[in-house]
């Protein structure tokens, strides 16, 4: 829980130092977001380091997606700073865009491109070596090989979710930002998702994901931030969810 005797900034920095002392890849300092009169996200601090997973946990409307959009540069904070290796996070910055992959909360595919053509376009944009082989591997991993020549409109909701994740995995990345990646996946697919994300961590990728599935948090996360009404209500290792559940 946030220490009431300290600011969220002070508490966040101490927790970040206690989690291993690595220089954070992503650092959010006093970040908050207001939309008109509505405070969607109250100021908070968050560090994400390479090879770790930070999970944002909470119900719909808790502020998870707002925080993810600030973390990947798709939106700008009303207050505070969001830095990726010391650079302001901005999705239009080529250096940031080249290293931050996002599977967000909206589906946006070209209606006249097949599944494979979407992935080919991404590999060309990021100059991926051995693109054909890598696309084959990602398609197989996401159970999309049999749908490679279909248009996105022909996919089921679960397959569309798999394509969103495939689009993030087929390109280089140091930070992977995921908004409820378990949505619309069946139980077996969720198990494969957890295995994949643990593999990403093992490869040194930093993960920041939003979820309201405690199972995914316990399977993948090193650190969890519980959000409610745009505020941090609890923070710590995954076991903090047991305390939080007990408090509700």
C-alpha atoms as a PDB file:
ATOM      1  CA  UNK A   1       0.000   0.000   0.000  1.00  0.00           C
ATOM      2  CA  UNK A   2       1.089   3.605  -0.495  1.00  0.00           C
ATOM      3  CA  UNK A   3       2.599   4.965   2.730  1.00  0.00           C
ATOM      4  CA  UNK A   4       0.276   7.749   3.871  1.00  0.00           C
ATOM      5  CA  UNK A   5       3.223   9.534   5.447  1.00  0.00           C
ATOM      6  CA  UNK A   6       5.021   9.918   2.126  1.00  0.00           C
ATOM      7  CA  UNK A   7       4.146  11.228  -1.289  1.00  0.00           C
ATOM      8  CA  UNK A   8       3.356   8.677  -3.985  1.00  0.00           C
ATOM      9  CA  UNK A   9       6.511   9.887  -5.742  1.00  0.00           C
ATOM     10  CA  UNK A  10       8.757   9.115  -2.755  1.00  0.00           C
ATOM     11  CA  UNK A  11       7.125   5.755  -2.134  1.00  0.00           C
ATOM     12  CA  UNK A  12       7.337   4.811  -5.810  1.00  0.00           C
ATOM     13  CA  UNK A  13      11.013   5.639  -6.067  1.00  0.00           C
ATOM     14  CA  UNK A  14      11.857   3.590  -2.961  1.00  0.00           C
ATOM     15  CA  UNK A  15       9.929   0.612  -4.272  1.00  0.00           C
ATOM     16  CA  UNK A  16      11.688   0.898  -7.641  1.00  0.00           C
ATOM     17  CA  UNK A  17      15.103   0.898  -5.977  1.00  0.00           C
ATOM     18  CA  UNK A  18      14.124  -2.114  -3.884  1.00  0.00           C
ATOM     19  CA  UNK A  19      13.207  -4.143  -6.977  1.00  0.00           C
ATOM     20  CA  UNK A  20      16.803  -4.601  -8.061  1.00  0.00           C
ATOM     21  CA  UNK A  21      18.501  -1.273  -8.654  1.00  0.00           C
ATOM     22  CA  UNK A  22      18.501  -1.511 -12.455  1.00  0.00           C
ATOM     23  CA  UNK A  23      18.172   1.692 -14.420  1.00  0.00           C
ATOM     24  CA  UNK A  24      14.530   1.785 -15.554  1.00  0.00           C
ATOM     25  CA  UNK A  25      13.790   1.543 -19.241  1.00  0.00           C
ATOM     26  CA  UNK A  26      10.532   3.415 -18.697  1.00  0.00           C
ATOM     27  CA  UNK A  27      10.115   6.030 -15.963  1.00  0.00           C
ATOM     28  CA  UNK A  28       6.840   7.791 -15.219  1.00  0.00           C
ATOM     29  CA  UNK A  29       7.210  10.654 -12.739  1.00  0.00           C
ATOM     30  CA  UNK A  30       4.162  12.348 -11.254  1.00  0.00           C
ATOM     31  CA  UNK A  31       2.156  11.381 -14.331  1.00  0.00           C
ATOM     32  CA  UNK A  32      -1.543  12.249 -14.357  1.00  0.00           C
ATOM     33  CA  UNK A  33      -4.226  12.804 -16.966  1.00  0.00           C
ATOM     34  CA  UNK A  34      -7.316  14.967 -16.910  1.00  0.00           C
ATOM     35  CA  UNK A  35     -10.054  15.098 -19.537  1.00  0.00           C
ATOM     36  CA  UNK A  36     -11.928  18.349 -19.002  1.00  0.00           C
ATOM     37  CA  UNK A  37     -13.267  18.225 -15.455  1.00  0.00           C
ATOM     38  CA  UNK A  38     -12.650  14.484 -15.069  1.00  0.00           C
ATOM     39  CA  UNK A  39      -9.430  13.302 -13.457  1.00  0.00           C
ATOM     40  CA  UNK A  40      -8.909  10.015 -15.310  1.00  0.00           C
ATOM     41  CA  UNK A  41      -5.551   9.307 -13.677  1.00  0.00           C
ATOM     42  CA  UNK A  42      -4.245  10.893 -10.500  1.00  0.00           C
ATOM     43  CA  UNK A  43      -0.476  11.608 -10.409  1.00  0.00           C
ATOM     44  CA  UNK A  44       1.629   8.521  -9.832  1.00  0.00           C
ATOM     45  CA  UNK A  45       5.139   7.190 -10.343  1.00  0.00           C
ATOM     46  CA  UNK A  46       6.168   3.978 -12.044  1.00  0.00           C
ATOM     47  CA  UNK A  47       9.458   2.436 -13.156  1.00  0.00           C
ATOM     48  CA  UNK A  48       9.669  -0.530 -15.563  1.00  0.00           C
ATOM     49  CA  UNK A  49      13.003  -2.278 -16.068  1.00  0.00           C
ATOM     50  CA  UNK A  50      14.243  -4.687 -18.729  1.00  0.00           C
ATOM     51  CA  UNK A  51      13.371  -8.327 -18.185  1.00  0.00           C
ATOM     52  CA  UNK A  52      10.498  -7.597 -15.795  1.00  0.00           C
ATOM     53  CA  UNK A  53       6.718  -7.442 -16.035  1.00  0.00           C
ATOM     54  CA  UNK A  54       4.614  -4.773 -14.369  1.00  0.00           C
ATOM     55  CA  UNK A  55       0.881  -5.456 -14.340  1.00  0.00           C
ATOM     56  CA  UNK A  56      -1.800  -2.792 -13.956  1.00  0.00           C
ATOM     57  CA  UNK A  57      -4.756  -4.449 -12.273  1.00  0.00           C
ATOM     58  CA  UNK A  58      -8.275  -3.081 -11.966  1.00  0.00           C
ATOM     59  CA  UNK A  59     -11.791  -3.039 -13.318  1.00  0.00           C
ATOM     60  CA  UNK A  60     -12.849  -1.218 -16.479  1.00  0.00           C
ATOM     61  CA  UNK A  61     -12.630   2.531 -15.915  1.00  0.00           C
ATOM     62  CA  UNK A  62      -9.932   2.242 -13.254  1.00  0.00           C
ATOM     63  CA  UNK A  63      -7.348   4.146 -15.319  1.00  0.00           C
ATOM     64  CA  UNK A  64      -5.359   1.226 -16.728  1.00  0.00           C
ATOM     65  CA  UNK A  65      -5.751   2.082 -20.414  1.00  0.00           C
ATOM     66  CA  UNK A  66      -5.114   5.770 -19.765  1.00  0.00           C
ATOM     67  CA  UNK A  67      -1.833   4.905 -18.064  1.00  0.00           C
ATOM     68  CA  UNK A  68      -0.803   2.591 -20.914  1.00  0.00           C
ATOM     69  CA  UNK A  69      -1.456   5.305 -23.485  1.00  0.00           C
ATOM     70  CA  UNK A  70       0.779   7.692 -21.551  1.00  0.00           C
ATOM     71  CA  UNK A  71       3.457   5.018 -21.174  1.00  0.00           C
ATOM     72  CA  UNK A  72       3.705   4.349 -24.920  1.00  0.00           C
ATOM     73  CA  UNK A  73       3.363   7.963 -26.050  1.00  0.00           C
ATOM     74  CA  UNK A  74      -0.074   7.713 -27.633  1.00  0.00           C
ATOM     75  CA  UNK A  75      -1.283  10.403 -25.248  1.00  0.00           C
ATOM     76  CA  UNK A  76       0.461  13.120 -23.254  1.00  0.00           C
ATOM     77  CA  UNK A  77       0.137  13.606 -19.504  1.00  0.00           C
ATOM     78  CA  UNK A  78      -1.613  16.652 -18.112  1.00  0.00           C
ATOM     79  CA  UNK A  79       1.046  16.698 -15.376  1.00  0.00           C
ATOM     80  CA  UNK A  80       4.329  14.869 -14.885  1.00  0.00           C
ATOM     81  CA  UNK A  81       6.797  13.314 -17.297  1.00  0.00           C
ATOM     82  CA  UNK A  82       7.000   9.992 -19.133  1.00  0.00           C
ATOM     83  CA  UNK A  83      10.533   9.041 -20.221  1.00  0.00           C
ATOM     84  CA  UNK A  84      11.869   6.090 -22.224  1.00  0.00           C
ATOM     85  CA  UNK A  85      15.599   5.830 -21.475  1.00  0.00           C
ATOM     86  CA  UNK A  86      15.599   9.527 -20.678  1.00  0.00           C
ATOM     87  CA  UNK A  87      13.703  10.599 -23.806  1.00  0.00           C
ATOM     88  CA  UNK A  88      10.156  11.952 -23.636  1.00  0.00           C
ATOM     89  CA  UNK A  89       7.823   9.148 -24.669  1.00  0.00           C
ATOM     90  CA  UNK A  90       6.243  10.082 -27.989  1.00  0.00           C
ATOM     91  CA  UNK A  91       5.019   7.544 -30.524  1.00  0.00           C
ATOM     92  CA  UNK A  92       6.060   9.944 -33.302  1.00  0.00           C
ATOM     93  CA  UNK A  93       9.696   9.827 -32.135  1.00  0.00           C
ATOM     94  CA  UNK A  94      11.430   7.323 -34.471  1.00  0.00           C
ATOM     95  CA  UNK A  95      13.814   6.161 -31.732  1.00  0.00           C
ATOM     96  CA  UNK A  96      10.945   5.439 -29.360  1.00  0.00           C
ATOM     97  CA  UNK A  97       8.707   3.927 -32.049  1.00  0.00           C
ATOM     98  CA  UNK A  98      11.495   1.567 -33.105  1.00  0.00           C
ATOM     99  CA  UNK A  99      11.787   0.052 -29.618  1.00  0.00           C
ATOM    100  CA  UNK A 100       8.274   0.163 -28.131  1.00  0.00           C
ATOM    101  CA  UNK A 101       5.704  -2.347 -29.404  1.00  0.00           C
ATOM    102  CA  UNK A 102       2.045  -1.984 -28.479  1.00  0.00           C
ATOM    103  CA  UNK A 103      -0.996  -4.244 -28.600  1.00  0.00           C
ATOM    104  CA  UNK A 104      -3.622  -1.746 -27.553  1.00  0.00           C
ATOM    105  CA  UNK A 105      -7.294  -1.560 -26.741  1.00  0.00           C
ATOM    106  CA  UNK A 106      -8.426  -0.763 -30.286  1.00  0.00           C
ATOM    107  CA  UNK A 107      -8.377  -2.930 -33.400  1.00  0.00           C
ATOM    108  CA  UNK A 108      -7.125  -1.151 -36.525  1.00  0.00           C
ATOM    109  CA  UNK A 109      -6.333  -3.295 -39.552  1.00  0.00           C
ATOM    110  CA  UNK A 110      -6.347  -2.516 -43.257  1.00  0.00           C
ATOM    111  CA  UNK A 111      -9.511  -4.189 -44.618  1.00  0.00           C
ATOM    112  CA  UNK A 112      -7.891  -5.241 -47.909  1.00  0.00           C
ATOM    113  CA  UNK A 113      -4.683  -6.778 -46.480  1.00  0.00           C
ATOM    114  CA  UNK A 114      -4.483 -10.394 -45.401  1.00  0.00           C
ATOM    115  CA  UNK A 115      -3.170 -11.516 -42.038  1.00  0.00           C
ATOM    116  CA  UNK A 116       0.227 -12.298 -43.515  1.00  0.00           C
ATOM    117  CA  UNK A 117       0.365  -9.063 -45.501  1.00  0.00           C
ATOM    118  CA  UNK A 118      -0.188  -7.089 -42.314  1.00  0.00           C
ATOM    119  CA  UNK A 119       2.799  -8.781 -40.708  1.00  0.00           C
ATOM    120  CA  UNK A 120       4.896  -8.344 -43.865  1.00  0.00           C
ATOM    121  CA  UNK A 121       4.167  -4.622 -43.820  1.00  0.00           C
ATOM    122  CA  UNK A 122       5.364  -4.371 -40.222  1.00  0.00           C
ATOM    123  CA  UNK A 123       8.587  -6.269 -40.918  1.00  0.00           C
ATOM    124  CA  UNK A 124       9.355  -4.006 -43.885  1.00  0.00           C
ATOM    125  CA  UNK A 125       8.758  -0.894 -41.755  1.00  0.00           C
ATOM    126  CA  UNK A 126      11.167  -2.183 -39.105  1.00  0.00           C
ATOM    127  CA  UNK A 127      13.720  -3.736 -41.486  1.00  0.00           C
ATOM    128  CA  UNK A 128      13.408  -7.198 -39.934  1.00  0.00           C
ATOM    129  CA  UNK A 129      15.993  -9.713 -41.118  1.00  0.00           C
ATOM    130  CA  UNK A 130      14.737 -13.118 -42.346  1.00  0.00           C
ATOM    131  CA  UNK A 131      11.239 -11.672 -42.302  1.00  0.00           C
ATOM    132  CA  UNK A 132       9.535 -14.639 -44.010  1.00  0.00           C
ATOM    133  CA  UNK A 133      10.867 -17.141 -41.506  1.00  0.00           C
ATOM    134  CA  UNK A 134      10.056 -14.913 -38.573  1.00  0.00           C
ATOM    135  CA  UNK A 135       6.501 -14.336 -39.828  1.00  0.00           C
ATOM    136  CA  UNK A 136       6.019 -18.095 -40.213  1.00  0.00           C
ATOM    137  CA  UNK A 137       7.166 -18.610 -36.637  1.00  0.00           C
ATOM    138  CA  UNK A 138       4.900 -15.926 -35.187  1.00  0.00           C
ATOM    139  CA  UNK A 139       1.897 -17.165 -37.185  1.00  0.00           C
ATOM    140  CA  UNK A 140       2.472 -20.708 -35.918  1.00  0.00           C
ATOM    141  CA  UNK A 141       2.983 -19.549 -32.349  1.00  0.00           C
ATOM    142  CA  UNK A 142      -0.276 -17.549 -32.377  1.00  0.00           C
ATOM    143  CA  UNK A 143      -2.192 -20.419 -34.089  1.00  0.00           C
ATOM    144  CA  UNK A 144      -2.775 -18.271 -37.181  1.00  0.00           C
ATOM    145  CA  UNK A 145      -0.942 -20.276 -39.842  1.00  0.00           C
ATOM    146  CA  UNK A 146      -4.200 -21.580 -41.295  1.00  0.00           C
ATOM    147  CA  UNK A 147      -5.572 -18.034 -41.507  1.00  0.00           C
ATOM    148  CA  UNK A 148      -2.527 -16.333 -43.054  1.00  0.00           C
ATOM    149  CA  UNK A 149      -4.312 -15.553 -46.327  1.00  0.00           C
ATOM    150  CA  UNK A 150      -7.601 -14.437 -44.816  1.00  0.00           C
ATOM    151  CA  UNK A 151      -8.706 -10.842 -44.342  1.00  0.00           C
ATOM    152  CA  UNK A 152      -9.063  -9.588 -40.748  1.00  0.00           C
ATOM    153  CA  UNK A 153     -12.847  -9.363 -41.219  1.00  0.00           C
ATOM    154  CA  UNK A 154     -12.975 -13.162 -41.554  1.00  0.00           C
ATOM    155  CA  UNK A 155     -11.307 -13.790 -38.191  1.00  0.00           C
ATOM    156  CA  UNK A 156     -13.048 -14.648 -34.941  1.00  0.00           C
ATOM    157  CA  UNK A 157     -12.650 -12.281 -31.990  1.00  0.00           C
ATOM    158  CA  UNK A 158     -10.017 -14.549 -30.454  1.00  0.00           C
ATOM    159  CA  UNK A 159      -8.103 -14.738 -33.735  1.00  0.00           C
ATOM    160  CA  UNK A 160      -8.256 -10.961 -34.076  1.00  0.00           C
ATOM    161  CA  UNK A 161      -6.745 -10.682 -30.593  1.00  0.00           C
ATOM    162  CA  UNK A 162      -4.029 -13.127 -31.661  1.00  0.00           C
ATOM    163  CA  UNK A 163      -3.298 -11.010 -34.738  1.00  0.00           C
ATOM    164  CA  UNK A 164      -2.918  -7.887 -32.611  1.00  0.00           C
ATOM    165  CA  UNK A 165      -0.331  -9.654 -30.485  1.00  0.00           C
ATOM    166  CA  UNK A 166       1.392 -11.130 -33.542  1.00  0.00           C
ATOM    167  CA  UNK A 167       1.758  -7.631 -34.984  1.00  0.00           C
ATOM    168  CA  UNK A 168       3.645  -6.594 -31.839  1.00  0.00           C
ATOM    169  CA  UNK A 169       5.790  -9.734 -31.732  1.00  0.00           C
ATOM    170  CA  UNK A 170       6.915  -9.724 -35.361  1.00  0.00           C
ATOM    171  CA  UNK A 171       8.949  -6.527 -34.900  1.00  0.00           C
ATOM    172  CA  UNK A 172      11.936  -5.559 -32.701  1.00  0.00           C
ATOM    173  CA  UNK A 173      11.043  -4.400 -29.197  1.00  0.00           C
ATOM    174  CA  UNK A 174      12.603  -3.508 -25.868  1.00  0.00           C
ATOM    175  CA  UNK A 175       9.297  -2.540 -24.241  1.00  0.00           C
ATOM    176  CA  UNK A 176       6.058  -4.417 -24.911  1.00  0.00           C
ATOM    177  CA  UNK A 177       2.846  -2.641 -23.855  1.00  0.00           C
ATOM    178  CA  UNK A 178      -0.288  -4.800 -23.731  1.00  0.00           C
ATOM    179  CA  UNK A 179      -3.863  -3.793 -22.937  1.00  0.00           C
ATOM    180  CA  UNK A 180      -5.788  -6.808 -21.616  1.00  0.00           C
ATOM    181  CA  UNK A 181      -4.101  -9.295 -23.985  1.00  0.00           C
ATOM    182  CA  UNK A 182      -6.083 -12.170 -22.450  1.00  0.00           C
ATOM    183  CA  UNK A 183      -9.401 -10.776 -23.684  1.00  0.00           C
ATOM    184  CA  UNK A 184     -11.366 -13.057 -26.037  1.00  0.00           C
ATOM    185  CA  UNK A 185      -8.848 -15.905 -25.594  1.00  0.00           C
ATOM    186  CA  UNK A 186      -9.946 -19.369 -24.535  1.00  0.00           C
ATOM    187  CA  UNK A 187      -8.294 -21.016 -21.486  1.00  0.00           C
ATOM    188  CA  UNK A 188      -5.705 -22.901 -23.542  1.00  0.00           C
ATOM    189  CA  UNK A 189      -4.763 -19.731 -25.412  1.00  0.00           C
ATOM    190  CA  UNK A 190      -4.361 -17.903 -22.102  1.00  0.00           C
ATOM    191  CA  UNK A 191      -1.901 -20.541 -20.928  1.00  0.00           C
ATOM    192  CA  UNK A 192       0.091 -20.099 -24.150  1.00  0.00           C
ATOM    193  CA  UNK A 193      -0.025 -16.314 -23.666  1.00  0.00           C
ATOM    194  CA  UNK A 194       1.495 -16.605 -20.188  1.00  0.00           C
ATOM    195  CA  UNK A 195       4.237 -18.874 -21.542  1.00  0.00           C
ATOM    196  CA  UNK A 196       4.977 -16.412 -24.324  1.00  0.00           C
ATOM    197  CA  UNK A 197       5.191 -13.448 -21.959  1.00  0.00           C
ATOM    198  CA  UNK A 198       7.536 -15.307 -19.627  1.00  0.00           C
ATOM    199  CA  UNK A 199       9.707 -15.974 -22.673  1.00  0.00           C
ATOM    200  CA  UNK A 200       9.695 -12.265 -23.508  1.00  0.00           C
ATOM    201  CA  UNK A 201      10.956 -11.484 -20.019  1.00  0.00           C
ATOM    202  CA  UNK A 202      13.664 -14.125 -20.328  1.00  0.00           C
ATOM    203  CA  UNK A 203      14.801 -12.390 -23.532  1.00  0.00           C
ATOM    204  CA  UNK A 204      15.177  -9.122 -21.620  1.00  0.00           C
ATOM    205  CA  UNK A 205      12.034  -7.391 -22.859  1.00  0.00           C
ATOM    206  CA  UNK A 206      10.262  -5.067 -20.413  1.00  0.00           C
ATOM    207  CA  UNK A 207       6.530  -5.757 -20.157  1.00  0.00           C
ATOM    208  CA  UNK A 208       3.801  -3.374 -19.077  1.00  0.00           C
ATOM    209  CA  UNK A 209       0.341  -4.884 -19.243  1.00  0.00           C
ATOM    210  CA  UNK A 210      -3.153  -4.024 -18.100  1.00  0.00           C
ATOM    211  CA  UNK A 211      -5.444  -6.805 -16.972  1.00  0.00           C
ATOM    212  CA  UNK A 212      -8.274  -7.673 -14.622  1.00  0.00           C
ATOM    213  CA  UNK A 213      -7.323 -11.373 -14.604  1.00  0.00           C
ATOM    214  CA  UNK A 214      -5.515 -12.305 -11.397  1.00  0.00           C
ATOM    215  CA  UNK A 215      -4.358 -15.582 -12.966  1.00  0.00           C
ATOM    216  CA  UNK A 216      -2.307 -13.736 -15.579  1.00  0.00           C
ATOM    217  CA  UNK A 217      -0.798 -11.470 -12.926  1.00  0.00           C
ATOM    218  CA  UNK A 218       0.376 -14.428 -10.845  1.00  0.00           C
ATOM    219  CA  UNK A 219       1.667 -16.267 -13.918  1.00  0.00           C
ATOM    220  CA  UNK A 220       3.727 -13.439 -15.381  1.00  0.00           C
ATOM    221  CA  UNK A 221       4.076 -10.285 -13.279  1.00  0.00           C
ATOM    222  CA  UNK A 222       6.926  -9.307 -10.977  1.00  0.00           C
ATOM    223  CA  UNK A 223       5.152  -6.192  -9.762  1.00  0.00           C
ATOM    224  CA  UNK A 224       1.492  -5.177  -9.711  1.00  0.00           C
ATOM    225  CA  UNK A 225      -0.190  -1.795  -9.379  1.00  0.00           C
ATOM    226  CA  UNK A 226      -3.853  -1.910  -8.360  1.00  0.00           C
ATOM    227  CA  UNK A 227      -5.829   1.010  -9.762  1.00  0.00           C
ATOM    228  CA  UNK A 228      -9.294   2.166  -8.785  1.00  0.00           C
ATOM    229  CA  UNK A 229     -10.939   5.391  -9.956  1.00  0.00           C
ATOM    230  CA  UNK A 230      -7.601   6.544 -11.364  1.00  0.00           C
ATOM    231  CA  UNK A 231      -5.729   6.138  -8.063  1.00  0.00           C
ATOM    232  CA  UNK A 232      -3.136   3.647  -6.848  1.00  0.00           C
ATOM    233  CA  UNK A 233      -4.864   1.584  -4.166  1.00  0.00           C
ATOM    234  CA  UNK A 234      -2.206  -1.076  -3.650  1.00  0.00           C
ATOM    235  CA  UNK A 235       1.210  -1.904  -5.069  1.00  0.00           C
ATOM    236  CA  UNK A 236       3.739  -4.680  -4.642  1.00  0.00           C
ATOM    237  CA  UNK A 237       4.413  -8.295  -5.662  1.00  0.00           C
ATOM    238  CA  UNK A 238       1.520 -10.320  -7.088  1.00  0.00           C
ATOM    239  CA  UNK A 239       0.543 -11.533  -3.615  1.00  0.00           C
ATOM    240  CA  UNK A 240      -0.708  -8.010  -2.900  1.00  0.00           C
ATOM    241  CA  UNK A 241      -3.838  -9.025  -4.829  1.00  0.00           C
ATOM    242  CA  UNK A 242      -4.812 -11.361  -1.990  1.00  0.00           C
ATOM    243  CA  UNK A 243      -4.642  -8.476   0.466  1.00  0.00           C
ATOM    244  CA  UNK A 244      -6.543  -6.241  -1.934  1.00  0.00           C
ATOM    245  CA  UNK A 245      -9.274  -8.815  -2.487  1.00  0.00           C
ATOM    246  CA  UNK A 246      -9.566  -9.195   1.232  1.00  0.00           C
ATOM    247  CA  UNK A 247     -10.006  -5.481   1.613  1.00  0.00           C
ATOM    248  CA  UNK A 248     -12.895  -5.312  -0.855  1.00  0.00           C
END
